[in-house]
Amino acid sequence: MENIIWDLRTDNVVSLIKDGKRADGRKLDEYRKIEVVKGISENADGSAMVKLGSTGVVAGVKLVPGQPYPDNPDEGTISVSLELLPLADPTYEVGPPRDDAIEIARVVDRGIRESKAIDFKGLCIREGELAWIAFVDFYVTNNDGNAFDAGSIACLAALNETRFPKLDGDAIVKHEYSGKLKLSKQPLLSTFSKIGGKIVVDPCLAEEKAQEARFSCAVADDKALCAFQKGEGGSFKASEIDECIELAFKHAKEIRKLV
């Protein structure tokens, strides 16, 4: 029964988009309303909550001293992970990360990492011995599509709020801090779906169900394209990719005002 309902909804989505319309009244190149609340956790070193339309995401950052990688002994690093909570969607289940959760986390991670927004050498405490590892965890609390961009916004907002824990020797002093994490750039994802031969930005869940192809790109505020990811079985023309990238720069400029 559920599949039949989704088939009917996606048929309607495709029909509307072919006519240049969307079910929620947005233009094809328009985002849903974005709300950002920072500092939602007393225990995280940085945190934020984001609503992208009805999609909800919370993100938290914990800085933990650990051993640097042997091939980068003078650098710290980041680790981004996503959990799709069962309360967010009836299809989500408790257990190992789903393939889509792994993909979303990797795309968000890549956008931050490849932008060089974080000076990894600045995270080194003692070369070859100790460096800060930034664990960036985010959770979908309500799924109405486009966890890519909602997660990207939430993680960036949380990183912008992140403070370095104070160290006593090599041990963290709880609830005491010694400065803020500084980001040199503000990378953000923009995600596009191709539906009925047309391209829409920020797909809601019904539009994700109807999409033929998906394209996400991360851009930084210095006009640099940091990363991109193609998903689903369909394809994009080169001219369509160029159009998506141009829109990504435009939208990211506005969204940065919120984070």
C-alpha atoms as a PDB file:
ATOM      1  CA  MET A   1       0.000   0.000   0.000  1.00  0.00           C
ATOM      2  CA  GLU A   2       2.798   2.414   0.920  1.00  0.00           C
ATOM      3  CA  ASN A   3       4.525   1.804  -2.435  1.00  0.00           C
ATOM      4  CA  ILE A   4       1.296   2.572  -4.275  1.00  0.00           C
ATOM      5  CA  ILE A   5       0.927   5.857  -2.401  1.00  0.00           C
ATOM      6  CA  TRP A   6       4.509   6.820  -3.235  1.00  0.00           C
ATOM      7  CA  ASP A   7       3.948   5.935  -6.905  1.00  0.00           C
ATOM      8  CA  LEU A   8       0.953   8.259  -7.004  1.00  0.00           C
ATOM      9  CA  ARG A   9       2.864  11.053  -5.250  1.00  0.00           C
ATOM     10  CA  THR A  10       5.895  10.743  -7.518  1.00  0.00           C
ATOM     11  CA  ASP A  11       3.677  10.728 -10.625  1.00  0.00           C
ATOM     12  CA  ASN A  12       2.248  14.034  -9.417  1.00  0.00           C
ATOM     13  CA  VAL A  13       5.728  15.396  -8.676  1.00  0.00           C
ATOM     14  CA  VAL A  14       6.980  14.547 -12.173  1.00  0.00           C
ATOM     15  CA  SER A  15       3.878  16.015 -13.822  1.00  0.00           C
ATOM     16  CA  LEU A  16       4.218  19.296 -11.930  1.00  0.00           C
ATOM     17  CA  ILE A  17       7.955  19.654 -12.524  1.00  0.00           C
ATOM     18  CA  LYS A  18       7.546  19.057 -16.254  1.00  0.00           C
ATOM     19  CA  ASP A  19       5.315  22.141 -16.153  1.00  0.00           C
ATOM     20  CA  GLY A  20       7.951  24.085 -14.193  1.00  0.00           C
ATOM     21  CA  LYS A  21       6.066  23.806 -10.877  1.00  0.00           C
ATOM     22  CA  ARG A  22       6.626  22.131  -7.498  1.00  0.00           C
ATOM     23  CA  ALA A  23       4.092  20.709  -5.073  1.00  0.00           C
ATOM     24  CA  ASP A  24       5.094  23.118  -2.282  1.00  0.00           C
ATOM     25  CA  GLY A  25       4.940  26.172  -4.550  1.00  0.00           C
ATOM     26  CA  ARG A  26       8.683  26.738  -4.802  1.00  0.00           C
ATOM     27  CA  LYS A  27      10.499  27.684  -7.974  1.00  0.00           C
ATOM     28  CA  LEU A  28      12.724  24.974  -9.422  1.00  0.00           C
ATOM     29  CA  ASP A  29      15.846  26.815  -8.228  1.00  0.00           C
ATOM     30  CA  GLU A  30      14.518  27.751  -4.778  1.00  0.00           C
ATOM     31  CA  TYR A  31      15.473  26.329  -1.365  1.00  0.00           C
ATOM     32  CA  ARG A  32      13.012  25.634   1.409  1.00  0.00           C
ATOM     33  CA  LYS A  33      13.113  27.864   4.479  1.00  0.00           C
ATOM     34  CA  ILE A  34      16.280  27.341   6.544  1.00  0.00           C
ATOM     35  CA  GLU A  35      16.445  27.771  10.315  1.00  0.00           C
ATOM     36  CA  VAL A  36      19.681  27.462  12.294  1.00  0.00           C
ATOM     37  CA  VAL A  37      20.024  27.315  16.089  1.00  0.00           C
ATOM     38  CA  LYS A  38      23.549  27.177  17.511  1.00  0.00           C
ATOM     39  CA  GLY A  39      24.869  26.044  20.874  1.00  0.00           C
ATOM     40  CA  ILE A  40      22.207  23.446  21.598  1.00  0.00           C
ATOM     41  CA  SER A  41      24.459  21.134  23.662  1.00  0.00           C
ATOM     42  CA  GLU A  42      26.416  21.958  26.803  1.00  0.00           C
ATOM     43  CA  ASN A  43      28.526  18.829  26.455  1.00  0.00           C
ATOM     44  CA  ALA A  44      29.607  19.202  22.824  1.00  0.00           C
ATOM     45  CA  ASP A  45      32.516  21.475  21.934  1.00  0.00           C
ATOM     46  CA  GLY A  46      30.322  22.905  19.176  1.00  0.00           C
ATOM     47  CA  SER A  47      26.726  22.162  18.189  1.00  0.00           C
ATOM     48  CA  ALA A  48      23.843  23.281  16.007  1.00  0.00           C
ATOM     49  CA  MET A  49      20.331  22.339  14.974  1.00  0.00           C
ATOM     50  CA  VAL A  50      19.031  22.931  11.446  1.00  0.00           C
ATOM     51  CA  LYS A  51      15.605  22.783   9.858  1.00  0.00           C
ATOM     52  CA  LEU A  52      15.529  22.709   6.074  1.00  0.00           C
ATOM     53  CA  GLY A  53      11.827  22.822   5.382  1.00  0.00           C
ATOM     54  CA  SER A  54      10.592  19.856   7.417  1.00  0.00           C
ATOM     55  CA  THR A  55      13.936  18.047   7.378  1.00  0.00           C
ATOM     56  CA  GLY A  56      15.589  18.249  10.802  1.00  0.00           C
ATOM     57  CA  VAL A  57      19.265  17.678  11.618  1.00  0.00           C
ATOM     58  CA  VAL A  58      21.350  18.159  14.757  1.00  0.00           C
ATOM     59  CA  ALA A  59      25.156  18.217  14.730  1.00  0.00           C
ATOM     60  CA  GLY A  60      27.799  18.108  17.423  1.00  0.00           C
ATOM     61  CA  VAL A  61      31.594  18.362  17.459  1.00  0.00           C
ATOM     62  CA  LYS A  62      33.947  16.787  20.009  1.00  0.00           C
ATOM     63  CA  LEU A  63      37.656  17.543  19.914  1.00  0.00           C
ATOM     64  CA  VAL A  64      39.647  14.611  21.278  1.00  0.00           C
ATOM     65  CA  PRO A  65      43.448  14.376  21.573  1.00  0.00           C
ATOM     66  CA  GLY A  66      44.778  11.318  19.776  1.00  0.00           C
ATOM     67  CA  GLN A  67      47.765   9.938  17.922  1.00  0.00           C
ATOM     68  CA  PRO A  68      48.275  11.511  14.461  1.00  0.00           C
ATOM     69  CA  TYR A  69      48.494   9.338  11.363  1.00  0.00           C
ATOM     70  CA  PRO A  70      52.058   8.141  10.592  1.00  0.00           C
ATOM     71  CA  ASP A  71      51.985   9.749   7.121  1.00  0.00           C
ATOM     72  CA  ASN A  72      50.871  13.107   8.591  1.00  0.00           C
ATOM     73  CA  PRO A  73      52.648  13.257  11.957  1.00  0.00           C
ATOM     74  CA  ASP A  74      52.229  17.037  12.284  1.00  0.00           C
ATOM     75  CA  GLU A  75      48.490  17.165  11.519  1.00  0.00           C
ATOM     76  CA  GLY A  76      45.190  16.510  13.236  1.00  0.00           C
ATOM     77  CA  THR A  77      42.112  15.437  11.311  1.00  0.00           C
ATOM     78  CA  ILE A  78      38.314  15.266  11.212  1.00  0.00           C
ATOM     79  CA  SER A  79      35.914  12.340  11.209  1.00  0.00           C
ATOM     80  CA  VAL A  80      32.342  12.939  10.010  1.00  0.00           C
ATOM     81  CA  SER A  81      29.573  10.422  10.696  1.00  0.00           C
ATOM     82  CA  LEU A  82      25.802  10.338  10.279  1.00  0.00           C
ATOM     83  CA  GLU A  83      23.094   8.399  12.061  1.00  0.00           C
ATOM     84  CA  LEU A  84      19.654   8.089  10.516  1.00  0.00           C
ATOM     85  CA  LEU A  85      17.470   7.847  13.619  1.00  0.00           C
ATOM     86  CA  PRO A  86      14.372   5.616  13.501  1.00  0.00           C
ATOM     87  CA  LEU A  87      12.303   8.515  14.845  1.00  0.00           C
ATOM     88  CA  ALA A  88      13.109  10.407  11.630  1.00  0.00           C
ATOM     89  CA  ASP A  89      11.624   7.979   9.123  1.00  0.00           C
ATOM     90  CA  PRO A  90       9.694   4.680   9.329  1.00  0.00           C
ATOM     91  CA  THR A  91      12.228   3.049   6.988  1.00  0.00           C
ATOM     92  CA  TYR A  92      15.206   3.804   9.275  1.00  0.00           C
ATOM     93  CA  GLU A  93      16.269   1.047  11.661  1.00  0.00           C
ATOM     94  CA  VAL A  94      18.666   0.709  14.583  1.00  0.00           C
ATOM     95  CA  GLY A  95      21.905  -1.007  13.626  1.00  0.00           C
ATOM     96  CA  PRO A  96      24.971  -0.572  11.414  1.00  0.00           C
ATOM     97  CA  PRO A  97      25.042   2.513   9.162  1.00  0.00           C
ATOM     98  CA  ARG A  98      22.990   2.188   5.984  1.00  0.00           C
ATOM     99  CA  ASP A  99      24.624   2.753   2.593  1.00  0.00           C
ATOM    100  CA  ASP A 100      22.855   6.100   2.182  1.00  0.00           C
ATOM    101  CA  ALA A 101      24.045   7.257   5.624  1.00  0.00           C
ATOM    102  CA  ILE A 102      27.641   6.382   4.698  1.00  0.00           C
ATOM    103  CA  GLU A 103      27.342   8.227   1.381  1.00  0.00           C
ATOM    104  CA  ILE A 104      25.840  11.381   2.915  1.00  0.00           C
ATOM    105  CA  ALA A 105      28.489  11.488   5.658  1.00  0.00           C
ATOM    106  CA  ARG A 106      31.313  11.040   3.149  1.00  0.00           C
ATOM    107  CA  VAL A 107      30.009  13.787   0.879  1.00  0.00           C
ATOM    108  CA  VAL A 108      29.647  16.222   3.802  1.00  0.00           C
ATOM    109  CA  ASP A 109      33.118  15.227   5.056  1.00  0.00           C
ATOM    110  CA  ARG A 110      34.665  15.710   1.616  1.00  0.00           C
ATOM    111  CA  GLY A 111      33.179  19.179   1.225  1.00  0.00           C
ATOM    112  CA  ILE A 112      34.747  20.312   4.512  1.00  0.00           C
ATOM    113  CA  ARG A 113      38.048  18.449   4.114  1.00  0.00           C
ATOM    114  CA  GLU A 114      38.802  19.372   0.501  1.00  0.00           C
ATOM    115  CA  SER A 115      37.952  23.044   1.026  1.00  0.00           C
ATOM    116  CA  LYS A 116      40.999  23.249   3.361  1.00  0.00           C
ATOM    117  CA  ALA A 117      38.756  25.251   5.714  1.00  0.00           C
ATOM    118  CA  ILE A 118      40.451  23.627   8.702  1.00  0.00           C
ATOM    119  CA  ASP A 119      44.194  23.990   9.169  1.00  0.00           C
ATOM    120  CA  PHE A 120      45.056  20.418  10.103  1.00  0.00           C
ATOM    121  CA  LYS A 121      48.593  21.411  11.035  1.00  0.00           C
ATOM    122  CA  GLY A 122      47.061  23.826  13.531  1.00  0.00           C
ATOM    123  CA  LEU A 123      45.504  20.801  15.253  1.00  0.00           C
ATOM    124  CA  CYS A 124      48.907  19.317  16.064  1.00  0.00           C
ATOM    125  CA  ILE A 125      49.769  19.307  19.766  1.00  0.00           C
ATOM    126  CA  ARG A 126      53.081  17.397  19.652  1.00  0.00           C
ATOM    127  CA  GLU A 127      54.395  16.222  16.325  1.00  0.00           C
ATOM    128  CA  GLY A 128      54.198  12.472  15.918  1.00  0.00           C
ATOM    129  CA  GLU A 129      52.631  12.052  19.346  1.00  0.00           C
ATOM    130  CA  LEU A 130      49.428  14.011  19.901  1.00  0.00           C
ATOM    131  CA  ALA A 131      46.955  15.941  17.768  1.00  0.00           C
ATOM    132  CA  TRP A 132      43.322  17.025  17.925  1.00  0.00           C
ATOM    133  CA  ILE A 133      40.787  14.817  16.164  1.00  0.00           C
ATOM    134  CA  ALA A 134      37.496  16.575  15.460  1.00  0.00           C
ATOM    135  CA  PHE A 135      34.614  14.096  15.581  1.00  0.00           C
ATOM    136  CA  VAL A 136      31.717  15.702  13.710  1.00  0.00           C
ATOM    137  CA  ASP A 137      28.541  13.695  14.269  1.00  0.00           C
ATOM    138  CA  PHE A 138      25.157  14.599  12.860  1.00  0.00           C
ATOM    139  CA  TYR A 139      21.730  13.028  13.171  1.00  0.00           C
ATOM    140  CA  VAL A 140      18.609  13.260  11.030  1.00  0.00           C
ATOM    141  CA  THR A 141      15.694  13.830  13.407  1.00  0.00           C
ATOM    142  CA  ASN A 142      13.020  14.198  10.717  1.00  0.00           C
ATOM    143  CA  ASN A 143      13.410  13.093   7.118  1.00  0.00           C
ATOM    144  CA  ASP A 144      11.739  15.138   4.415  1.00  0.00           C
ATOM    145  CA  GLY A 145      14.572  14.900   1.927  1.00  0.00           C
ATOM    146  CA  ASN A 146      17.991  16.434   1.237  1.00  0.00           C
ATOM    147  CA  ALA A 147      19.903  15.336   4.320  1.00  0.00           C
ATOM    148  CA  PHE A 148      23.020  16.220   2.287  1.00  0.00           C
ATOM    149  CA  ASP A 149      22.505  19.983   2.481  1.00  0.00           C
ATOM    150  CA  ALA A 150      20.842  19.983   5.905  1.00  0.00           C
ATOM    151  CA  GLY A 151      23.791  18.010   7.258  1.00  0.00           C
ATOM    152  CA  SER A 152      26.309  20.287   5.568  1.00  0.00           C
ATOM    153  CA  ILE A 153      24.703  23.391   7.070  1.00  0.00           C
ATOM    154  CA  ALA A 154      24.447  21.833  10.540  1.00  0.00           C
ATOM    155  CA  CYS A 155      28.049  20.593  10.552  1.00  0.00           C
ATOM    156  CA  LEU A 156      29.423  23.933   9.374  1.00  0.00           C
ATOM    157  CA  ALA A 157      27.374  25.828  11.966  1.00  0.00           C
ATOM    158  CA  ALA A 158      28.619  23.456  14.702  1.00  0.00           C
ATOM    159  CA  LEU A 159      32.253  23.806  13.579  1.00  0.00           C
ATOM    160  CA  ASN A 160      31.915  27.592  13.644  1.00  0.00           C
ATOM    161  CA  GLU A 161      30.920  27.289  17.315  1.00  0.00           C
ATOM    162  CA  THR A 162      33.631  24.776  18.265  1.00  0.00           C
ATOM    163  CA  ARG A 163      36.015  25.554  21.137  1.00  0.00           C
ATOM    164  CA  PHE A 164      39.278  23.804  22.009  1.00  0.00           C
ATOM    165  CA  PRO A 165      39.077  21.986  25.360  1.00  0.00           C
ATOM    166  CA  LYS A 166      41.720  23.007  27.878  1.00  0.00           C
ATOM    167  CA  LEU A 167      44.428  20.409  28.470  1.00  0.00           C
ATOM    168  CA  ASP A 168      46.107  19.499  31.743  1.00  0.00           C
ATOM    169  CA  GLY A 169      49.079  17.593  30.434  1.00  0.00           C
ATOM    170  CA  ASP A 170      47.450  15.306  27.861  1.00  0.00           C
ATOM    171  CA  ALA A 171      44.085  15.133  29.642  1.00  0.00           C
ATOM    172  CA  ILE A 172      41.024  17.260  28.889  1.00  0.00           C
ATOM    173  CA  VAL A 173      39.755  19.565  31.626  1.00  0.00           C
ATOM    174  CA  LYS A 174      35.974  19.227  31.401  1.00  0.00           C
ATOM    175  CA  HIS A 175      33.979  22.374  30.617  1.00  0.00           C
ATOM    176  CA  GLU A 176      37.103  24.534  30.324  1.00  0.00           C
ATOM    177  CA  TYR A 177      38.308  25.904  26.985  1.00  0.00           C
ATOM    178  CA  SER A 178      41.394  27.520  25.512  1.00  0.00           C
ATOM    179  CA  GLY A 179      40.183  29.201  22.317  1.00  0.00           C
ATOM    180  CA  LYS A 180      37.990  28.656  19.264  1.00  0.00           C
ATOM    181  CA  LEU A 181      38.505  26.555  16.164  1.00  0.00           C
ATOM    182  CA  LYS A 182      39.092  28.920  13.249  1.00  0.00           C
ATOM    183  CA  LEU A 183      37.833  28.131   9.765  1.00  0.00           C
ATOM    184  CA  SER A 184      39.473  29.918   6.835  1.00  0.00           C
ATOM    185  CA  LYS A 185      36.538  29.139   4.518  1.00  0.00           C
ATOM    186  CA  GLN A 186      32.846  28.319   4.782  1.00  0.00           C
ATOM    187  CA  PRO A 187      32.152  25.295   2.533  1.00  0.00           C
ATOM    188  CA  LEU A 188      28.536  24.337   1.863  1.00  0.00           C
ATOM    189  CA  LEU A 189      26.812  21.671  -0.209  1.00  0.00           C
ATOM    190  CA  SER A 190      24.050  22.291  -2.715  1.00  0.00           C
ATOM    191  CA  THR A 191      22.108  19.274  -3.953  1.00  0.00           C
ATOM    192  CA  PHE A 192      20.130  19.005  -7.186  1.00  0.00           C
ATOM    193  CA  SER A 193      17.730  16.386  -8.537  1.00  0.00           C
ATOM    194  CA  LYS A 194      16.878  15.733 -12.157  1.00  0.00           C
ATOM    195  CA  ILE A 195      13.178  14.958 -12.477  1.00  0.00           C
ATOM    196  CA  GLY A 196      11.167  14.769 -15.679  1.00  0.00           C
ATOM    197  CA  GLY A 197      14.141  16.126 -17.578  1.00  0.00           C
ATOM    198  CA  LYS A 198      14.312  19.254 -15.413  1.00  0.00           C
ATOM    199  CA  ILE A 199      16.620  20.150 -12.514  1.00  0.00           C
ATOM    200  CA  VAL A 200      15.456  21.207  -9.050  1.00  0.00           C
ATOM    201  CA  VAL A 201      17.507  22.314  -6.057  1.00  0.00           C
ATOM    202  CA  ASP A 202      16.933  21.074  -2.491  1.00  0.00           C
ATOM    203  CA  PRO A 203      14.662  18.104  -3.271  1.00  0.00           C
ATOM    204  CA  CYS A 204      12.064  17.194  -0.654  1.00  0.00           C
ATOM    205  CA  LEU A 205      11.421  13.513   0.086  1.00  0.00           C
ATOM    206  CA  ALA A 206       8.742  13.072  -2.594  1.00  0.00           C
ATOM    207  CA  GLU A 207      11.078  14.642  -5.142  1.00  0.00           C
ATOM    208  CA  GLU A 208      13.923  12.353  -4.061  1.00  0.00           C
ATOM    209  CA  LYS A 209      11.623   9.389  -4.670  1.00  0.00           C
ATOM    210  CA  ALA A 210      10.960  10.696  -8.194  1.00  0.00           C
ATOM    211  CA  GLN A 211      14.516  11.705  -9.144  1.00  0.00           C
ATOM    212  CA  GLU A 212      16.343  10.215 -12.095  1.00  0.00           C
ATOM    213  CA  ALA A 213      19.742  11.535 -11.020  1.00  0.00           C
ATOM    214  CA  ARG A 214      21.281  13.537  -8.166  1.00  0.00           C
ATOM    215  CA  PHE A 215      24.211  15.946  -8.108  1.00  0.00           C
ATOM    216  CA  SER A 216      25.764  17.534  -5.012  1.00  0.00           C
ATOM    217  CA  CYS A 217      28.587  20.064  -5.067  1.00  0.00           C
ATOM    218  CA  ALA A 218      30.428  21.827  -2.264  1.00  0.00           C
ATOM    219  CA  VAL A 219      31.630  25.373  -2.808  1.00  0.00           C
ATOM    220  CA  ALA A 220      33.732  27.667  -0.632  1.00  0.00           C
ATOM    221  CA  ASP A 221      33.398  31.402  -0.240  1.00  0.00           C
ATOM    222  CA  ASP A 222      36.538  32.012  -2.309  1.00  0.00           C
ATOM    223  CA  LYS A 223      34.682  30.842  -5.421  1.00  0.00           C
ATOM    224  CA  ALA A 224      36.369  27.441  -5.240  1.00  0.00           C
ATOM    225  CA  LEU A 225      34.593  24.222  -6.146  1.00  0.00           C
ATOM    226  CA  CYS A 226      35.649  21.862  -3.347  1.00  0.00           C
ATOM    227  CA  ALA A 227      33.952  18.564  -4.132  1.00  0.00           C
ATOM    228  CA  PHE A 228      31.033  16.976  -5.932  1.00  0.00           C
ATOM    229  CA  GLN A 229      29.100  13.723  -6.018  1.00  0.00           C
ATOM    230  CA  LYS A 230      26.844  12.188  -8.657  1.00  0.00           C
ATOM    231  CA  GLY A 231      24.147   9.785  -7.457  1.00  0.00           C
ATOM    232  CA  GLU A 232      21.367   7.603  -8.862  1.00  0.00           C
ATOM    233  CA  GLY A 233      21.325   6.013 -12.338  1.00  0.00           C
ATOM    234  CA  GLY A 234      20.476   8.961 -14.558  1.00  0.00           C
ATOM    235  CA  SER A 235      22.813  11.516 -16.081  1.00  0.00           C
ATOM    236  CA  PHE A 236      23.463  15.257 -16.403  1.00  0.00           C
ATOM    237  CA  LYS A 237      24.655  17.145 -19.447  1.00  0.00           C
ATOM    238  CA  ALA A 238      27.820  19.214 -19.067  1.00  0.00           C
ATOM    239  CA  SER A 239      25.733  22.375 -19.451  1.00  0.00           C
ATOM    240  CA  GLU A 240      23.432  21.203 -16.643  1.00  0.00           C
ATOM    241  CA  ILE A 241      26.387  20.579 -14.331  1.00  0.00           C
ATOM    242  CA  ASP A 242      27.653  24.097 -15.088  1.00  0.00           C
ATOM    243  CA  GLU A 243      24.200  25.478 -14.250  1.00  0.00           C
ATOM    244  CA  CYS A 244      24.106  23.569 -10.953  1.00  0.00           C
ATOM    245  CA  ILE A 245      27.556  24.830  -9.932  1.00  0.00           C
ATOM    246  CA  GLU A 246      26.592  28.424 -10.723  1.00  0.00           C
ATOM    247  CA  LEU A 247      23.438  28.074  -8.596  1.00  0.00           C
ATOM    248  CA  ALA A 248      25.457  26.442  -5.799  1.00  0.00           C
ATOM    249  CA  PHE A 249      27.664  29.541  -5.503  1.00  0.00           C
ATOM    250  CA  LYS A 250      24.585  31.763  -5.468  1.00  0.00           C
ATOM    251  CA  HIS A 251      22.736  29.800  -2.787  1.00  0.00           C
ATOM    252  CA  ALA A 252      25.807  29.223  -0.599  1.00  0.00           C
ATOM    253  CA  LYS A 253      26.395  32.966  -0.420  1.00  0.00           C
ATOM    254  CA  GLU A 254      22.943  33.434   1.115  1.00  0.00           C
ATOM    255  CA  ILE A 255      23.055  30.394   3.410  1.00  0.00           C
ATOM    256  CA  ARG A 256      26.405  31.450   4.905  1.00  0.00           C
ATOM    257  CA  LYS A 257      24.647  34.420   6.488  1.00  0.00           C
ATOM    258  CA  LEU A 258      22.854  31.916   8.755  1.00  0.00           C
ATOM    259  CA  VAL A 259      25.883  29.907   9.938  1.00  0.00           C
END
